[in-house]
C-alpha atoms as a PDB file:
ATOM      1  CA  UNK A   1     127.773  98.340 136.376  1.00  0.00           C
ATOM      2  CA  UNK A   2     124.743  99.504 134.480  1.00  0.00           C
ATOM      3  CA  UNK A   3     124.307  97.498 130.736  1.00  0.00           C
ATOM      4  CA  UNK A   4     122.030 100.532 130.078  1.00  0.00           C
ATOM      5  CA  UNK A   5     122.843 101.338 126.627  1.00  0.00           C
ATOM      6  CA  UNK A   6     123.946 104.545 125.627  1.00  0.00           C
ATOM      7  CA  UNK A   7     124.052 104.957 121.842  1.00  0.00           C
ATOM      8  CA  UNK A   8     126.736 107.933 120.518  1.00  0.00           C
ATOM      9  CA  UNK A   9     126.788 109.838 117.363  1.00  0.00           C
ATOM     10  CA  UNK A  10     129.537 111.929 116.353  1.00  0.00           C
ATOM     11  CA  UNK A  11     128.779 115.434 115.197  1.00  0.00           C
ATOM     12  CA  UNK A  12     128.416 114.795 111.376  1.00  0.00           C
ATOM     13  CA  UNK A  13     125.629 112.345 112.751  1.00  0.00           C
ATOM     14  CA  UNK A  14     122.609 114.036 113.375  1.00  0.00           C
ATOM     15  CA  UNK A  15     119.865 113.496 110.465  1.00  0.00           C
ATOM     16  CA  UNK A  16     119.046 110.249 109.797  1.00  0.00           C
ATOM     17  CA  UNK A  17     117.315 109.459 106.682  1.00  0.00           C
ATOM     18  CA  UNK A  18     114.856 106.727 105.620  1.00  0.00           C
ATOM     19  CA  UNK A  19     112.389 104.679 104.641  1.00  0.00           C
ATOM     20  CA  UNK A  20     110.135 103.391 106.608  1.00  0.00           C
ATOM     21  CA  UNK A  21     106.095 101.664 107.374  1.00  0.00           C
ATOM     22  CA  UNK A  22     104.539 101.997 110.262  1.00  0.00           C
ATOM     23  CA  UNK A  23     101.910 100.120 112.247  1.00  0.00           C
ATOM     24  CA  UNK A  24      98.776 101.726 112.931  1.00  0.00           C
ATOM     25  CA  UNK A  25      98.479 103.285 116.193  1.00  0.00           C
ATOM     26  CA  UNK A  26      96.570 100.504 117.696  1.00  0.00           C
ATOM     27  CA  UNK A  27      98.607  98.079 116.523  1.00  0.00           C
ATOM     28  CA  UNK A  28     101.819 100.196 117.616  1.00  0.00           C
ATOM     29  CA  UNK A  29     100.186 100.112 121.184  1.00  0.00           C
ATOM     30  CA  UNK A  30     100.308  96.136 121.089  1.00  0.00           C
ATOM     31  CA  UNK A  31     104.021  95.620 120.586  1.00  0.00           C
ATOM     32  CA  UNK A  32     104.922  98.358 123.057  1.00  0.00           C
ATOM     33  CA  UNK A  33     103.252  96.923 125.778  1.00  0.00           C
ATOM     34  CA  UNK A  34     104.262  93.221 124.511  1.00  0.00           C
ATOM     35  CA  UNK A  35     107.888  94.806 124.912  1.00  0.00           C
ATOM     36  CA  UNK A  36     107.534  96.195 127.987  1.00  0.00           C
ATOM     37  CA  UNK A  37     106.514  93.171 129.359  1.00  0.00           C
ATOM     38  CA  UNK A  38     109.176  90.823 127.294  1.00  0.00           C
ATOM     39  CA  UNK A  39     111.735  93.602 129.393  1.00  0.00           C
ATOM     40  CA  UNK A  40     110.492  93.025 132.638  1.00  0.00           C
ATOM     41  CA  UNK A  41     110.335  89.644 132.051  1.00  0.00           C
ATOM     42  CA  UNK A  42     114.596  89.291 130.816  1.00  0.00           C
ATOM     43  CA  UNK A  43     115.468  92.350 132.929  1.00  0.00           C
ATOM     44  CA  UNK A  44     116.484  94.286 130.230  1.00  0.00           C
ATOM     45  CA  UNK A  45     117.955  98.461 130.834  1.00  0.00           C
ATOM     46  CA  UNK A  46     117.371  99.508 127.283  1.00  0.00           C
ATOM     47  CA  UNK A  47     115.475 102.323 126.741  1.00  0.00           C
ATOM     48  CA  UNK A  48     112.266 100.903 124.926  1.00  0.00           C
ATOM     49  CA  UNK A  49     110.831 102.356 121.448  1.00  0.00           C
ATOM     50  CA  UNK A  50     108.442 104.607 121.740  1.00  0.00           C
ATOM     51  CA  UNK A  51     104.925 103.248 120.124  1.00  0.00           C
ATOM     52  CA  UNK A  52     104.650 106.085 118.252  1.00  0.00           C
ATOM     53  CA  UNK A  53     108.302 105.157 116.468  1.00  0.00           C
ATOM     54  CA  UNK A  54     107.661 101.750 115.644  1.00  0.00           C
ATOM     55  CA  UNK A  55     108.981 100.847 112.163  1.00  0.00           C
ATOM     56  CA  UNK A  56     109.702  98.763 109.575  1.00  0.00           C
ATOM     57  CA  UNK A  57     112.830  99.823 108.030  1.00  0.00           C
ATOM     58  CA  UNK A  58     113.126  99.651 104.080  1.00  0.00           C
ATOM     59  CA  UNK A  59     115.794 101.422 103.069  1.00  0.00           C
ATOM     60  CA  UNK A  60     118.536 103.782 105.080  1.00  0.00           C
ATOM     61  CA  UNK A  61     119.601 106.274 102.725  1.00  0.00           C
ATOM     62  CA  UNK A  62     122.125 107.729 105.570  1.00  0.00           C
ATOM     63  CA  UNK A  63     123.658 109.630 108.176  1.00  0.00           C
ATOM     64  CA  UNK A  64     124.144 113.225 107.688  1.00  0.00           C
ATOM     65  CA  UNK A  65     125.403 116.896 109.582  1.00  0.00           C
ATOM     66  CA  UNK A  66     122.044 118.841 107.989  1.00  0.00           C
ATOM     67  CA  UNK A  67     119.266 117.792 106.258  1.00  0.00           C
ATOM     68  CA  UNK A  68     120.490 117.102 102.746  1.00  0.00           C
ATOM     69  CA  UNK A  69     117.198 118.614 100.744  1.00  0.00           C
ATOM     70  CA  UNK A  70     118.612 117.395  97.442  1.00  0.00           C
ATOM     71  CA  UNK A  71     118.822 113.372  98.649  1.00  0.00           C
ATOM     72  CA  UNK A  72     115.383 113.950  99.606  1.00  0.00           C
ATOM     73  CA  UNK A  73     114.390 115.388  96.568  1.00  0.00           C
ATOM     74  CA  UNK A  74     115.573 112.222  94.488  1.00  0.00           C
ATOM     75  CA  UNK A  75     113.652 109.512  97.434  1.00  0.00           C
ATOM     76  CA  UNK A  76     110.618 111.928  96.616  1.00  0.00           C
ATOM     77  CA  UNK A  77     111.289 111.353  93.168  1.00  0.00           C
ATOM     78  CA  UNK A  78     111.279 107.210  93.616  1.00  0.00           C
ATOM     79  CA  UNK A  79     108.673 107.356  95.774  1.00  0.00           C
ATOM     80  CA  UNK A  80     106.456 108.669  93.393  1.00  0.00           C
ATOM     81  CA  UNK A  81     106.946 105.631  91.203  1.00  0.00           C
ATOM     82  CA  UNK A  82     106.400 103.447  93.623  1.00  0.00           C
ATOM     83  CA  UNK A  83     102.640 101.854  93.125  1.00  0.00           C
ATOM     84  CA  UNK A  84     102.205  97.893  94.596  1.00  0.00           C
ATOM     85  CA  UNK A  85      99.323  97.146  96.651  1.00  0.00           C
ATOM     86  CA  UNK A  86      98.648  96.944 100.403  1.00  0.00           C
ATOM     87  CA  UNK A  87      99.780  93.811 101.681  1.00  0.00           C
ATOM     88  CA  UNK A  88      99.291  92.334 105.286  1.00  0.00           C
ATOM     89  CA  UNK A  89     102.317  91.392 107.394  1.00  0.00           C
ATOM     90  CA  UNK A  90     102.803  89.085 110.836  1.00  0.00           C
ATOM     91  CA  UNK A  91     105.496  88.826 113.538  1.00  0.00           C
ATOM     92  CA  UNK A  92     105.540  86.204 116.077  1.00  0.00           C
ATOM     93  CA  UNK A  93     109.513  86.127 116.838  1.00  0.00           C
ATOM     94  CA  UNK A  94     111.794  88.443 119.437  1.00  0.00           C
ATOM     95  CA  UNK A  95     115.493  87.622 119.018  1.00  0.00           C
ATOM     96  CA  UNK A  96     118.318  90.093 119.266  1.00  0.00           C
ATOM     97  CA  UNK A  97     120.231  91.090 116.666  1.00  0.00           C
ATOM     98  CA  UNK A  98     124.652  90.627 117.027  1.00  0.00           C
ATOM     99  CA  UNK A  99     126.516  93.883 116.814  1.00  0.00           C
ATOM    100  CA  UNK A 100     129.690  94.797 116.742  1.00  0.00           C
ATOM    101  CA  UNK A 101     129.304  97.748 119.883  1.00  0.00           C
ATOM    102  CA  UNK A 102     127.542  95.262 122.595  1.00  0.00           C
ATOM    103  CA  UNK A 103     124.339  96.875 122.435  1.00  0.00           C
ATOM    104  CA  UNK A 104     122.269  94.475 120.774  1.00  0.00           C
ATOM    105  CA  UNK A 105     118.693  95.818 118.918  1.00  0.00           C
ATOM    106  CA  UNK A 106     116.185  93.634 120.325  1.00  0.00           C
ATOM    107  CA  UNK A 107     113.575  92.907 117.483  1.00  0.00           C
ATOM    108  CA  UNK A 108     110.193  91.177 116.843  1.00  0.00           C
ATOM    109  CA  UNK A 109     110.782  89.711 113.702  1.00  0.00           C
ATOM    110  CA  UNK A 110     108.900  86.700 111.522  1.00  0.00           C
ATOM    111  CA  UNK A 111     108.935  83.146 111.567  1.00  0.00           C
ATOM    112  CA  UNK A 112     109.333  83.163 107.183  1.00  0.00           C
ATOM    113  CA  UNK A 113     111.150  84.837 104.356  1.00  0.00           C
ATOM    114  CA  UNK A 114     110.318  88.571 103.420  1.00  0.00           C
ATOM    115  CA  UNK A 115     107.265  87.338 100.953  1.00  0.00           C
ATOM    116  CA  UNK A 116     105.323  89.744 102.294  1.00  0.00           C
ATOM    117  CA  UNK A 117     107.824  92.557 101.934  1.00  0.00           C
ATOM    118  CA  UNK A 118     108.808  91.676  98.079  1.00  0.00           C
ATOM    119  CA  UNK A 119     106.951  94.016  96.193  1.00  0.00           C
ATOM    120  CA  UNK A 120     107.626  97.173  97.703  1.00  0.00           C
ATOM    121  CA  UNK A 121     110.854  96.670  98.403  1.00  0.00           C
ATOM    122  CA  UNK A 122     112.483  95.988  94.692  1.00  0.00           C
ATOM    123  CA  UNK A 123     109.729  98.081  93.629  1.00  0.00           C
ATOM    124  CA  UNK A 124     111.320 101.481  95.391  1.00  0.00           C
ATOM    125  CA  UNK A 125     115.086  99.803  95.416  1.00  0.00           C
ATOM    126  CA  UNK A 126     114.551  99.897  91.549  1.00  0.00           C
ATOM    127  CA  UNK A 127     113.294 102.954  92.029  1.00  0.00           C
ATOM    128  CA  UNK A 128     116.078 104.405  94.409  1.00  0.00           C
ATOM    129  CA  UNK A 129     118.325 103.100  91.765  1.00  0.00           C
ATOM    130  CA  UNK A 130     116.517 105.281  89.066  1.00  0.00           C
ATOM    131  CA  UNK A 131     117.310 108.259  90.550  1.00  0.00           C
ATOM    132  CA  UNK A 132     120.887 107.560  91.445  1.00  0.00           C
ATOM    133  CA  UNK A 133     120.379 106.779  95.296  1.00  0.00           C
ATOM    134  CA  UNK A 134     121.279 102.492  94.255  1.00  0.00           C
ATOM    135  CA  UNK A 135     123.989 102.764  97.728  1.00  0.00           C
ATOM    136  CA  UNK A 136     120.750 102.499  99.484  1.00  0.00           C
ATOM    137  CA  UNK A 137     119.932  99.354  98.378  1.00  0.00           C
ATOM    138  CA  UNK A 138     123.417  97.472  99.251  1.00  0.00           C
ATOM    139  CA  UNK A 139     122.436  94.641 102.156  1.00  0.00           C
ATOM    140  CA  UNK A 140     120.202  92.205 103.107  1.00  0.00           C
ATOM    141  CA  UNK A 141     116.902  92.850 103.753  1.00  0.00           C
ATOM    142  CA  UNK A 142     115.334  91.246 107.587  1.00  0.00           C
ATOM    143  CA  UNK A 143     111.992  92.930 108.457  1.00  0.00           C
ATOM    144  CA  UNK A 144     111.964  93.541 111.750  1.00  0.00           C
ATOM    145  CA  UNK A 145     111.366  95.914 114.463  1.00  0.00           C
ATOM    146  CA  UNK A 146     112.883  96.801 116.887  1.00  0.00           C
ATOM    147  CA  UNK A 147     111.721  97.019 120.504  1.00  0.00           C
ATOM    148  CA  UNK A 148     114.669  98.488 123.005  1.00  0.00           C
ATOM    149  CA  UNK A 149     118.478  98.028 122.658  1.00  0.00           C
ATOM    150  CA  UNK A 150     120.389  96.756 125.425  1.00  0.00           C
ATOM    151  CA  UNK A 151     123.460  94.884 126.380  1.00  0.00           C
ATOM    152  CA  UNK A 152     121.743  91.153 126.680  1.00  0.00           C
ATOM    153  CA  UNK A 153     121.370  88.970 124.024  1.00  0.00           C
ATOM    154  CA  UNK A 154     117.948  87.308 123.844  1.00  0.00           C
ATOM    155  CA  UNK A 155     117.630  83.946 121.471  1.00  0.00           C
ATOM    156  CA  UNK A 156     114.739  83.745 118.921  1.00  0.00           C
ATOM    157  CA  UNK A 157     111.950  83.071 120.638  1.00  0.00           C
ATOM    158  CA  UNK A 158     107.941  82.914 119.663  1.00  0.00           C
ATOM    159  CA  UNK A 159     105.423  85.843 120.306  1.00  0.00           C
ATOM    160  CA  UNK A 160     101.943  85.978 120.002  1.00  0.00           C
ATOM    161  CA  UNK A 161     101.221  86.866 116.683  1.00  0.00           C
ATOM    162  CA  UNK A 162     101.350  91.048 115.722  1.00  0.00           C
ATOM    163  CA  UNK A 163     100.103  91.524 112.292  1.00  0.00           C
ATOM    164  CA  UNK A 164      98.500  94.445 110.624  1.00  0.00           C
ATOM    165  CA  UNK A 165      97.993  95.617 106.960  1.00  0.00           C
ATOM    166  CA  UNK A 166     100.719  97.816 105.477  1.00  0.00           C
ATOM    167  CA  UNK A 167      98.665 100.779 103.758  1.00  0.00           C
ATOM    168  CA  UNK A 168     101.563 102.784 103.187  1.00  0.00           C
ATOM    169  CA  UNK A 169     105.164 104.096 103.674  1.00  0.00           C
ATOM    170  CA  UNK A 170     106.776 107.135 105.029  1.00  0.00           C
ATOM    171  CA  UNK A 171     110.167 108.790 104.822  1.00  0.00           C
ATOM    172  CA  UNK A 172     111.557 109.301 108.011  1.00  0.00           C
ATOM    173  CA  UNK A 173     114.199 111.880 109.615  1.00  0.00           C
ATOM    174  CA  UNK A 174     115.599 110.741 112.602  1.00  0.00           C
ATOM    175  CA  UNK A 175     117.024 113.188 114.872  1.00  0.00           C
ATOM    176  CA  UNK A 176     119.999 111.295 116.281  1.00  0.00           C
ATOM    177  CA  UNK A 177     120.397 111.186 120.396  1.00  0.00           C
ATOM    178  CA  UNK A 178     116.909 113.034 120.375  1.00  0.00           C
ATOM    179  CA  UNK A 179     113.878 110.687 120.318  1.00  0.00           C
ATOM    180  CA  UNK A 180     111.951 112.863 117.060  1.00  0.00           C
ATOM    181  CA  UNK A 181     111.365 111.057 114.329  1.00  0.00           C
ATOM    182  CA  UNK A 182     109.759 113.257 111.392  1.00  0.00           C
ATOM    183  CA  UNK A 183     107.377 111.995 108.834  1.00  0.00           C
ATOM    184  CA  UNK A 184     108.797 114.478 106.024  1.00  0.00           C
ATOM    185  CA  UNK A 185     106.536 112.130 103.476  1.00  0.00           C
ATOM    186  CA  UNK A 186     104.667 109.206 102.504  1.00  0.00           C
ATOM    187  CA  UNK A 187     102.878 107.035  99.808  1.00  0.00           C
ATOM    188  CA  UNK A 188      99.754 105.082  99.744  1.00  0.00           C
ATOM    189  CA  UNK A 189      99.699 102.180  98.529  1.00  0.00           C
ATOM    190  CA  UNK A 190      97.116 100.309  96.138  1.00  0.00           C
ATOM    191  CA  UNK A 191      93.919  99.057  97.880  1.00  0.00           C
END
């Protein structure tokens, strides 16, 4: 019996919108290579996330049937209010997150709390509330980069640290089930 994960999306869930921070291309390639090595060692069968799709989600703005122009406009208004400095991040372990579906996100995380992310996350969250998208700010923020999804779970394990400087954040339109990310807009952080 195959353990290959298959994500299913309903007819009404075709378009996902979220704010994210992306590693630069060189860092994304290093993360992808690390994931490839771990995938082989752990005998995961899930499909790896493409290097150009690796990201840290800041806020999920919903799954929609079609791109909601009003949400995109409000999200852009919120993002334009954010003026925070660039910052360095380091991810130094991997683990599987729990999931009710039995298909577990295998992610790269950090041992430390989200302190490095706090200024950007708080500023964007407050701006989302001001424009009426406060519902997106519910829940705990645990910075992570999803590497793949698999039917097997793996405990937290240290890995060679991978760092980068977060210099911008992006509004992403993901076409669910089509492995397509469209960057709708990006906002530069202060140097």
